[in-house]
Amino acid sequence: MENKVLLRIHEDLEFIKQKVIVMDNELEDISKDLHIVRPEYLKKLEKIQQGKFHSFDSKEKFIEFLDNEI
């Protein structure tokens, strides 16, 4: 009986260990993605730092602006 309980605990711990490994790998992937900044975002950040903000009267003007910026 004691051996069965110990075996079950061992199996549960192995299962948890595998899950932690998977979660750690996923967190590493997420962390890598979060630190990559696309060049167009860097340009937008520079404009924000310079204090250039835009407002638009219509959706069409906004889309036209985006087309010219990208």
PDB file of N, CA and C in Angstrom:
ATOM      1  N   MET A   1       0.818  -1.196   0.000  1.00  0.00           N
ATOM      2  CA  MET A   1       0.000   0.000   0.000  1.00  0.00           C
ATOM      3  C   MET A   1       0.866   1.265   0.000  1.00  0.00           C
ATOM      4  N   GLU A   2       1.872   1.293   0.856  1.00  0.00           N
ATOM      5  CA  GLU A   2       2.751   2.462   0.932  1.00  0.00           C
ATOM      6  C   GLU A   2       3.488   2.672  -0.389  1.00  0.00           C
ATOM      7  N   ASN A   3       3.899   1.575  -1.019  1.00  0.00           N
ATOM      8  CA  ASN A   3       4.589   1.680  -2.303  1.00  0.00           C
ATOM      9  C   ASN A   3       3.675   2.268  -3.375  1.00  0.00           C
ATOM     10  N   LYS A   4       2.402   1.907  -3.351  1.00  0.00           N
ATOM     11  CA  LYS A   4       1.448   2.448  -4.322  1.00  0.00           C
ATOM     12  C   LYS A   4       1.297   3.960  -4.148  1.00  0.00           C
ATOM     13  N   VAL A   5       1.217   4.387  -2.906  1.00  0.00           N
ATOM     14  CA  VAL A   5       1.088   5.821  -2.627  1.00  0.00           C
ATOM     15  C   VAL A   5       2.346   6.557  -3.084  1.00  0.00           C
ATOM     16  N   LEU A   6       3.499   5.990  -2.776  1.00  0.00           N
ATOM     17  CA  LEU A   6       4.755   6.617  -3.190  1.00  0.00           C
ATOM     18  C   LEU A   6       4.880   6.658  -4.714  1.00  0.00           C
ATOM     19  N   LEU A   7       4.461   5.598  -5.364  1.00  0.00           N
ATOM     20  CA  LEU A   7       4.495   5.559  -6.826  1.00  0.00           C
ATOM     21  C   LEU A   7       3.566   6.617  -7.408  1.00  0.00           C
ATOM     22  N   ARG A   8       2.397   6.737  -6.841  1.00  0.00           N
ATOM     23  CA  ARG A   8       1.434   7.742  -7.306  1.00  0.00           C
ATOM     24  C   ARG A   8       1.993   9.157  -7.103  1.00  0.00           C
ATOM     25  N   ILE A   9       2.601   9.408  -5.976  1.00  0.00           N
ATOM     26  CA  ILE A   9       3.216  10.715  -5.710  1.00  0.00           C
ATOM     27  C   ILE A   9       4.326  10.979  -6.723  1.00  0.00           C
ATOM     28  N   HIS A  10       5.125   9.971  -6.983  1.00  0.00           N
ATOM     29  CA  HIS A  10       6.212  10.105  -7.964  1.00  0.00           C
ATOM     30  C   HIS A  10       5.653  10.438  -9.353  1.00  0.00           C
ATOM     31  N   GLU A  11       4.618   9.735  -9.760  1.00  0.00           N
ATOM     32  CA  GLU A  11       4.003   9.982 -11.067  1.00  0.00           C
ATOM     33  C   GLU A  11       3.425  11.393 -11.138  1.00  0.00           C
ATOM     34  N   ASP A  12       2.771  11.805 -10.065  1.00  0.00           N
ATOM     35  CA  ASP A  12       2.205  13.155 -10.031  1.00  0.00           C
ATOM     36  C   ASP A  12       3.294  14.215 -10.115  1.00  0.00           C
ATOM     37  N   LEU A  13       4.385  13.991  -9.409  1.00  0.00           N
ATOM     38  CA  LEU A  13       5.496  14.943  -9.449  1.00  0.00           C
ATOM     39  C   LEU A  13       6.134  15.006 -10.835  1.00  0.00           C
ATOM     40  N   GLU A  14       6.251  13.877 -11.487  1.00  0.00           N
ATOM     41  CA  GLU A  14       6.800  13.855 -12.848  1.00  0.00           C
ATOM     42  C   GLU A  14       5.880  14.610 -13.808  1.00  0.00           C
ATOM     43  N   PHE A  15       4.585  14.411 -13.633  1.00  0.00           N
ATOM     44  CA  PHE A  15       3.608  15.117 -14.463  1.00  0.00           C
ATOM     45  C   PHE A  15       3.729  16.628 -14.249  1.00  0.00           C
ATOM     46  N   ILE A  16       3.780  17.047 -13.011  1.00  0.00           N
ATOM     47  CA  ILE A  16       3.905  18.470 -12.689  1.00  0.00           C
ATOM     48  C   ILE A  16       5.219  19.027 -13.231  1.00  0.00           C
ATOM     49  N   LYS A  17       6.278  18.259 -13.117  1.00  0.00           N
ATOM     50  CA  LYS A  17       7.584  18.686 -13.629  1.00  0.00           C
ATOM     51  C   LYS A  17       7.508  18.942 -15.134  1.00  0.00           C
ATOM     52  N   GLN A  18       6.868  18.045 -15.862  1.00  0.00           N
ATOM     53  CA  GLN A  18       6.728  18.217 -17.310  1.00  0.00           C
ATOM     54  C   GLN A  18       5.908  19.465 -17.639  1.00  0.00           C
ATOM     55  N   LYS A  19       4.855  19.686 -16.887  1.00  0.00           N
ATOM     56  CA  LYS A  19       4.016  20.872 -17.113  1.00  0.00           C
ATOM     57  C   LYS A  19       4.801  22.157 -16.848  1.00  0.00           C
ATOM     58  N   VAL A  20       5.605  22.167 -15.818  1.00  0.00           N
ATOM     59  CA  VAL A  20       6.420  23.342 -15.494  1.00  0.00           C
ATOM     60  C   VAL A  20       7.428  23.600 -16.611  1.00  0.00           C
ATOM     61  N   ILE A  21       8.014  22.554 -17.149  1.00  0.00           N
ATOM     62  CA  ILE A  21       8.970  22.703 -18.254  1.00  0.00           C
ATOM     63  C   ILE A  21       8.279  23.321 -19.461  1.00  0.00           C
ATOM     64  N   VAL A  22       7.095  22.831 -19.783  1.00  0.00           N
ATOM     65  CA  VAL A  22       6.338  23.371 -20.916  1.00  0.00           C
ATOM     66  C   VAL A  22       6.001  24.847 -20.674  1.00  0.00           C
ATOM     67  N   MET A  23       5.534  25.174 -19.488  1.00  0.00           N
ATOM     68  CA  MET A  23       5.194  26.564 -19.169  1.00  0.00           C
ATOM     69  C   MET A  23       6.425  27.458 -19.232  1.00  0.00           C
ATOM     70  N   ASP A  24       7.555  26.972 -18.762  1.00  0.00           N
ATOM     71  CA  ASP A  24       8.788  27.749 -18.809  1.00  0.00           C
ATOM     72  C   ASP A  24       9.182  28.041 -20.255  1.00  0.00           C
ATOM     73  N   ASN A  25       9.076  27.038 -21.111  1.00  0.00           N
ATOM     74  CA  ASN A  25       9.392  27.235 -22.525  1.00  0.00           C
ATOM     75  C   ASN A  25       8.443  28.242 -23.167  1.00  0.00           C
ATOM     76  N   GLU A  26       7.164  28.153 -22.838  1.00  0.00           N
ATOM     77  CA  GLU A  26       6.197  29.097 -23.390  1.00  0.00           C
ATOM     78  C   GLU A  26       6.478  30.516 -22.905  1.00  0.00           C
ATOM     79  N   LEU A  27       6.850  30.660 -21.657  1.00  0.00           N
ATOM     80  CA  LEU A  27       7.184  31.986 -21.130  1.00  0.00           C
ATOM     81  C   LEU A  27       8.418  32.566 -21.812  1.00  0.00           C
ATOM     82  N   GLU A  28       9.387  31.722 -22.102  1.00  0.00           N
ATOM     83  CA  GLU A  28      10.578  32.187 -22.819  1.00  0.00           C
ATOM     84  C   GLU A  28      10.197  32.687 -24.203  1.00  0.00           C
ATOM     85  N   ASP A  29       9.322  31.940 -24.893  1.00  0.00           N
ATOM     86  CA  ASP A  29       8.875  32.355 -26.222  1.00  0.00           C
ATOM     87  C   ASP A  29       8.136  33.690 -26.159  1.00  0.00           C
ATOM     88  N   ILE A  30       7.267  33.835 -25.180  1.00  0.00           N
ATOM     89  CA  ILE A  30       6.524  35.084 -25.019  1.00  0.00           C
ATOM     90  C   ILE A  30       7.485  36.229 -24.721  1.00  0.00           C
ATOM     91  N   SER A  31       8.441  35.990 -23.864  1.00  0.00           N
ATOM     92  CA  SER A  31       9.408  37.025 -23.510  1.00  0.00           C
ATOM     93  C   SER A  31      10.207  37.465 -24.731  1.00  0.00           C
ATOM     94  N   LYS A  32      10.610  36.519 -25.559  1.00  0.00           N
ATOM     95  CA  LYS A  32      11.350  36.856 -26.778  1.00  0.00           C
ATOM     96  C   LYS A  32      10.493  37.707 -27.701  1.00  0.00           C
ATOM     97  N   ASP A  33       9.212  37.342 -27.842  1.00  0.00           N
ATOM     98  CA  ASP A  33       8.309  38.104 -28.705  1.00  0.00           C
ATOM     99  C   ASP A  33       8.099  39.518 -28.183  1.00  0.00           C
ATOM    100  N   LEU A  34       8.035  39.669 -26.884  1.00  0.00           N
ATOM    101  CA  LEU A  34       7.765  40.983 -26.309  1.00  0.00           C
ATOM    102  C   LEU A  34       8.936  41.937 -26.472  1.00  0.00           C
ATOM    103  N   HIS A  35      10.121  41.429 -26.638  1.00  0.00           N
ATOM    104  CA  HIS A  35      11.286  42.294 -26.729  1.00  0.00           C
ATOM    105  C   HIS A  35      11.656  42.667 -28.160  1.00  0.00           C
ATOM    106  N   ILE A  36      10.969  42.090 -29.122  1.00  0.00           N
ATOM    107  CA  ILE A  36      11.239  42.429 -30.519  1.00  0.00           C
ATOM    108  C   ILE A  36      10.349  43.612 -30.897  1.00  0.00           C
ATOM    109  N   VAL A  37      10.963  44.690 -31.387  1.00  0.00           N
ATOM    110  CA  VAL A  37      10.210  45.871 -31.792  1.00  0.00           C
ATOM    111  C   VAL A  37      10.387  46.058 -33.291  1.00  0.00           C
ATOM    112  N   ARG A  38       9.259  46.116 -33.980  1.00  0.00           N
ATOM    113  CA  ARG A  38       9.325  46.296 -35.426  1.00  0.00           C
ATOM    114  C   ARG A  38       9.788  47.718 -35.745  1.00  0.00           C
ATOM    115  N   PRO A  39      10.533  47.888 -36.836  1.00  0.00           N
ATOM    116  CA  PRO A  39      11.082  49.213 -37.182  1.00  0.00           C
ATOM    117  C   PRO A  39      10.016  50.302 -37.296  1.00  0.00           C
ATOM    118  N   GLU A  40       8.834  49.961 -37.836  1.00  0.00           N
ATOM    119  CA  GLU A  40       7.803  50.994 -37.985  1.00  0.00           C
ATOM    120  C   GLU A  40       7.313  51.503 -36.627  1.00  0.00           C
ATOM    121  N   TYR A  41       7.374  50.655 -35.614  1.00  0.00           N
ATOM    122  CA  TYR A  41       6.996  51.105 -34.272  1.00  0.00           C
ATOM    123  C   TYR A  41       8.047  52.053 -33.699  1.00  0.00           C
ATOM    124  N   LEU A  42       9.299  51.784 -34.019  1.00  0.00           N
ATOM    125  CA  LEU A  42      10.353  52.688 -33.558  1.00  0.00           C
ATOM    126  C   LEU A  42      10.159  54.083 -34.148  1.00  0.00           C
ATOM    127  N   LYS A  43       9.762  54.147 -35.435  1.00  0.00           N
ATOM    128  CA  LYS A  43       9.491  55.441 -36.065  1.00  0.00           C
ATOM    129  C   LYS A  43       8.334  56.144 -35.363  1.00  0.00           C
ATOM    130  N   LYS A  44       7.294  55.382 -35.053  1.00  0.00           N
ATOM    131  CA  LYS A  44       6.141  55.979 -34.377  1.00  0.00           C
ATOM    132  C   LYS A  44       6.520  56.470 -32.985  1.00  0.00           C
ATOM    133  N   LEU A  45       7.353  55.720 -32.295  1.00  0.00           N
ATOM    134  CA  LEU A  45       7.801  56.149 -30.970  1.00  0.00           C
ATOM    135  C   LEU A  45       8.603  57.444 -31.049  1.00  0.00           C
ATOM    136  N   GLU A  46       9.429  57.566 -32.090  1.00  0.00           N
ATOM    137  CA  GLU A  46      10.201  58.798 -32.259  1.00  0.00           C
ATOM    138  C   GLU A  46       9.273  59.987 -32.449  1.00  0.00           C
ATOM    139  N   LYS A  47       8.205  59.798 -33.236  1.00  0.00           N
ATOM    140  CA  LYS A  47       7.253  60.887 -33.461  1.00  0.00           C
ATOM    141  C   LYS A  47       6.538  61.251 -32.166  1.00  0.00           C
ATOM    142  N   ILE A  48       6.172  60.253 -31.397  1.00  0.00           N
ATOM    143  CA  ILE A  48       5.496  60.524 -30.129  1.00  0.00           C
ATOM    144  C   ILE A  48       6.430  61.282 -29.197  1.00  0.00           C
ATOM    145  N   GLN A  49       7.692  60.887 -29.175  1.00  0.00           N
ATOM    146  CA  GLN A  49       8.654  61.567 -28.313  1.00  0.00           C
ATOM    147  C   GLN A  49       8.864  63.015 -28.752  1.00  0.00           C
ATOM    148  N   GLN A  50       8.694  63.277 -30.048  1.00  0.00           N
ATOM    149  CA  GLN A  50       8.839  64.639 -30.552  1.00  0.00           C
ATOM    150  C   GLN A  50       7.576  65.457 -30.293  1.00  0.00           C
ATOM    151  N   GLY A  51       6.517  64.812 -29.850  1.00  0.00           N
ATOM    152  CA  GLY A  51       5.289  65.533 -29.539  1.00  0.00           C
ATOM    153  C   GLY A  51       4.349  65.694 -30.715  1.00  0.00           C
ATOM    154  N   LYS A  52       4.483  64.874 -31.735  1.00  0.00           N
ATOM    155  CA  LYS A  52       3.602  64.966 -32.895  1.00  0.00           C
ATOM    156  C   LYS A  52       2.417  64.023 -32.709  1.00  0.00           C
ATOM    157  N   PHE A  53       1.272  64.611 -32.504  1.00  0.00           N
ATOM    158  CA  PHE A  53       0.052  63.826 -32.370  1.00  0.00           C
ATOM    159  C   PHE A  53      -0.916  64.257 -33.468  1.00  0.00           C
ATOM    160  N   HIS A  54      -1.678  63.344 -33.976  1.00  0.00           N
ATOM    161  CA  HIS A  54      -2.591  63.623 -35.076  1.00  0.00           C
ATOM    162  C   HIS A  54      -4.021  63.321 -34.652  1.00  0.00           C
ATOM    163  N   SER A  55      -4.940  64.120 -35.166  1.00  0.00           N
ATOM    164  CA  SER A  55      -6.360  63.816 -34.991  1.00  0.00           C
ATOM    165  C   SER A  55      -6.995  63.791 -36.375  1.00  0.00           C
ATOM    166  N   PHE A  56      -8.060  63.049 -36.507  1.00  0.00           N
ATOM    167  CA  PHE A  56      -8.673  62.848 -37.807  1.00  0.00           C
ATOM    168  C   PHE A  56     -10.179  63.056 -37.707  1.00  0.00           C
ATOM    169  N   ASP A  57     -10.740  63.667 -38.766  1.00  0.00           N
ATOM    170  CA  ASP A  57     -12.181  63.925 -38.802  1.00  0.00           C
ATOM    171  C   ASP A  57     -12.968  62.721 -39.299  1.00  0.00           C
ATOM    172  N   SER A  58     -12.286  61.848 -40.029  1.00  0.00           N
ATOM    173  CA  SER A  58     -13.013  60.704 -40.588  1.00  0.00           C
ATOM    174  C   SER A  58     -12.108  59.485 -40.649  1.00  0.00           C
ATOM    175  N   LYS A  59     -12.745  58.370 -40.808  1.00  0.00           N
ATOM    176  CA  LYS A  59     -12.020  57.101 -40.930  1.00  0.00           C
ATOM    177  C   LYS A  59     -11.156  57.111 -42.189  1.00  0.00           C
ATOM    178  N   GLU A  60     -11.682  57.701 -43.258  1.00  0.00           N
ATOM    179  CA  GLU A  60     -10.954  57.736 -44.530  1.00  0.00           C
ATOM    180  C   GLU A  60      -9.646  58.524 -44.397  1.00  0.00           C
ATOM    181  N   LYS A  61      -9.701  59.659 -43.701  1.00  0.00           N
ATOM    182  CA  LYS A  61      -8.481  60.449 -43.512  1.00  0.00           C
ATOM    183  C   LYS A  61      -7.458  59.688 -42.667  1.00  0.00           C
ATOM    184  N   PHE A  62      -7.960  58.956 -41.698  1.00  0.00           N
ATOM    185  CA  PHE A  62      -7.071  58.156 -40.860  1.00  0.00           C
ATOM    186  C   PHE A  62      -6.392  57.067 -41.685  1.00  0.00           C
ATOM    187  N   ILE A  63      -7.169  56.374 -42.511  1.00  0.00           N
ATOM    188  CA  ILE A  63      -6.616  55.304 -43.356  1.00  0.00           C
ATOM    189  C   ILE A  63      -5.629  55.885 -44.358  1.00  0.00           C
ATOM    190  N   GLU A  64      -5.956  57.043 -44.933  1.00  0.00           N
ATOM    191  CA  GLU A  64      -5.034  57.700 -45.865  1.00  0.00           C
ATOM    192  C   GLU A  64      -3.716  58.048 -45.169  1.00  0.00           C
ATOM    193  N   PHE A  65      -3.817  58.555 -43.964  1.00  0.00           N
ATOM    194  CA  PHE A  65      -2.620  58.873 -43.190  1.00  0.00           C
ATOM    195  C   PHE A  65      -1.779  57.624 -42.951  1.00  0.00           C
ATOM    196  N   LEU A  66      -2.431  56.534 -42.550  1.00  0.00           N
ATOM    197  CA  LEU A  66      -1.704  55.288 -42.299  1.00  0.00           C
ATOM    198  C   LEU A  66      -1.019  54.780 -43.555  1.00  0.00           C
ATOM    199  N   ASP A  67      -1.713  54.864 -44.682  1.00  0.00           N
ATOM    200  CA  ASP A  67      -1.121  54.412 -45.946  1.00  0.00           C
ATOM    201  C   ASP A  67       0.138  55.206 -46.276  1.00  0.00           C
ATOM    202  N   ASN A  68       0.128  56.487 -45.989  1.00  0.00           N
ATOM    203  CA  ASN A  68       1.294  57.327 -46.274  1.00  0.00           C
ATOM    204  C   ASN A  68       2.430  57.095 -45.285  1.00  0.00           C
ATOM    205  N   GLU A  69       2.095  56.694 -44.070  1.00  0.00           N
ATOM    206  CA  GLU A  69       3.106  56.487 -43.038  1.00  0.00           C
ATOM    207  C   GLU A  69       3.834  55.161 -43.186  1.00  0.00           C
ATOM    208  N   ILE A  70       3.146  54.180 -43.700  1.00  0.00           N
ATOM    209  CA  ILE A  70       3.723  52.823 -43.746  1.00  0.00           C
ATOM    210  C   ILE A  70       4.481  52.579 -45.006  1.00  0.00           C
TER     211      ILE A  70
END
